[in-house]
């Protein structure tokens, strides 16, 4: 199973991890901020959550620029985590993002972007 998780870009293991993590975030949003990082983010509000996404995105860009694969995957994991926190805040989850991506599969990126304008 570990091979599936590290070698697969999709599949049951990745989906299961995202679902479990989303459920954990939802459970901890109302916890004591002294004992939960997620509760701390929720207590600080939208600006703190959004700021963390920006910070993690910047760190991911720097890791990619340096060609550091190990650091890149760790930074992308941090970015995804903080994106999940914001999704949960808005009553959404990874399935909502996947639904958008599924609609875009097979559509040229140029065509898809033009349709949004």
Protein backbone atom coordinates (compact mmCIF):
# COMPACT_ATOMS: atom_id res chain seq x y z
CA UNK A 1 0.00 0.00 0.00
CA UNK A 2 2.86 2.39 0.66
CA UNK A 3 3.95 1.98 -2.97
CA UNK A 4 0.47 2.94 -4.13
CA UNK A 5 0.59 6.05 -1.99
CA UNK A 6 4.02 7.19 -3.14
CA UNK A 7 3.84 6.10 -6.78
CA UNK A 8 0.27 6.99 -7.66
CA UNK A 9 -1.14 10.35 -8.57
CA UNK A 10 -4.65 9.15 -7.90
CA UNK A 11 -6.41 6.17 -6.52
CA UNK A 12 -7.94 4.83 -3.36
CA UNK A 13 -5.03 5.59 -1.04
CA UNK A 14 -4.72 9.25 -2.01
CA UNK A 15 -8.48 9.73 -1.92
CA UNK A 16 -8.69 8.03 1.46
CA UNK A 17 -5.93 10.23 2.90
CA UNK A 18 -7.59 13.41 1.65
CA UNK A 19 -10.98 12.34 3.00
CA UNK A 20 -9.57 11.41 6.41
CA UNK A 21 -7.58 14.62 6.63
CA UNK A 22 -10.63 16.69 5.69
CA UNK A 23 -12.69 14.92 8.37
CA UNK A 24 -9.96 15.55 10.93
CA UNK A 25 -9.85 19.25 10.03
CA UNK A 26 -13.63 19.48 10.36
CA UNK A 27 -13.51 17.73 13.74
CA UNK A 28 -10.77 19.96 15.09
CA UNK A 29 -12.09 23.30 13.89
CA UNK A 30 -13.91 23.82 17.20
CA UNK A 31 -11.22 22.32 19.44
CA UNK A 32 -9.16 24.24 21.97
CA UNK A 33 -6.59 26.36 20.09
CA UNK A 34 -4.09 25.55 22.86
CA UNK A 35 -4.15 21.89 21.77
CA UNK A 36 -4.90 22.05 18.03
CA UNK A 37 -3.14 23.82 15.18
CA UNK A 38 -6.33 23.60 13.09
CA UNK A 39 -8.34 25.22 15.88
CA UNK A 40 -5.69 27.96 16.06
CA UNK A 41 -6.16 28.72 12.36
CA UNK A 42 -9.93 28.81 12.72
CA UNK A 43 -9.65 31.06 15.78
CA UNK A 44 -7.40 33.48 13.89
CA UNK A 45 -9.87 33.67 11.00
CA UNK A 46 -9.84 33.89 7.23
CA UNK A 47 -6.84 36.19 6.90
CA UNK A 48 -4.57 33.80 8.81
CA UNK A 49 -5.78 30.83 6.77
CA UNK A 50 -5.30 32.63 3.47
CA UNK A 51 -1.88 33.92 4.52
CA UNK A 52 -0.76 30.34 5.22
CA UNK A 53 -1.77 29.31 1.70
CA UNK A 54 0.36 32.12 0.29
CA UNK A 55 3.32 31.21 2.49
CA UNK A 56 3.16 27.53 1.59
CA UNK A 57 2.74 28.31 -2.12
CA UNK A 58 5.85 30.49 -2.00
CA UNK A 59 7.81 27.75 -0.24
CA UNK A 60 6.66 25.22 -2.86
CA UNK A 61 7.77 27.54 -5.66
CA UNK A 62 11.19 27.93 -4.05
CA UNK A 63 11.57 24.16 -3.63
CA UNK A 64 10.59 23.60 -7.28
CA UNK A 65 13.03 26.26 -8.42
CA UNK A 66 15.79 24.57 -6.41
CA UNK A 67 14.87 21.17 -7.89
CA UNK A 68 14.57 19.69 -4.40
CA UNK A 69 12.01 16.90 -4.90
CA UNK A 70 11.82 15.89 -1.25
CA UNK A 71 11.27 19.45 -0.08
CA UNK A 72 8.86 20.09 -2.96
CA UNK A 73 6.59 17.21 -1.98
CA UNK A 74 6.68 18.31 1.68
CA UNK A 75 5.81 21.91 0.74
CA UNK A 76 3.01 20.80 -1.59
CA UNK A 77 1.65 18.65 1.25
CA UNK A 78 1.67 21.74 3.49
CA UNK A 79 -0.04 23.75 0.74
CA UNK A 80 -2.72 21.10 0.23
CA UNK A 81 -3.31 20.90 3.97
CA UNK A 82 -3.87 24.64 4.27
CA UNK A 83 -6.09 24.60 1.18
CA UNK A 84 -8.17 21.87 2.83
CA UNK A 85 -8.51 24.06 5.94
CA UNK A 86 -9.93 26.88 3.79
CA UNK A 87 -12.20 24.48 1.92
CA UNK A 88 -13.59 23.12 5.20
CA UNK A 89 -14.10 26.69 6.43
CA UNK A 90 -16.35 27.23 3.43
CA UNK A 91 -18.20 23.92 3.72
CA UNK A 92 -16.28 22.33 0.85
CA UNK A 93 -13.86 19.45 0.47
CA UNK A 94 -11.54 17.72 -1.96
CA UNK A 95 -14.49 16.20 -3.82
CA UNK A 96 -15.64 19.68 -4.82
CA UNK A 97 -12.22 20.46 -6.28
CA UNK A 98 -12.06 17.07 -8.01
CA UNK A 99 -15.46 17.71 -9.60
CA UNK A 100 -14.10 20.88 -11.19
CA UNK A 101 -10.96 19.08 -12.35
CA UNK A 102 -13.06 16.22 -13.77
CA UNK A 103 -15.03 18.70 -15.87
CA UNK A 104 -11.74 20.08 -17.23
CA UNK A 105 -10.19 16.74 -18.19
CA UNK A 106 -9.83 16.53 -21.95
CA UNK A 107 -10.43 20.25 -22.42
CA UNK A 108 -7.54 22.36 -23.64
CA UNK A 109 -6.26 24.66 -20.92
CA UNK A 110 -6.43 27.55 -23.36
CA UNK A 111 -10.06 26.77 -24.20
CA UNK A 112 -10.97 26.30 -20.52
CA UNK A 113 -9.37 29.62 -19.50
CA UNK A 114 -11.09 31.46 -22.37
CA UNK A 115 -14.45 30.05 -21.24
CA UNK A 116 -13.94 31.60 -17.78
CA UNK A 117 -13.27 35.07 -19.15
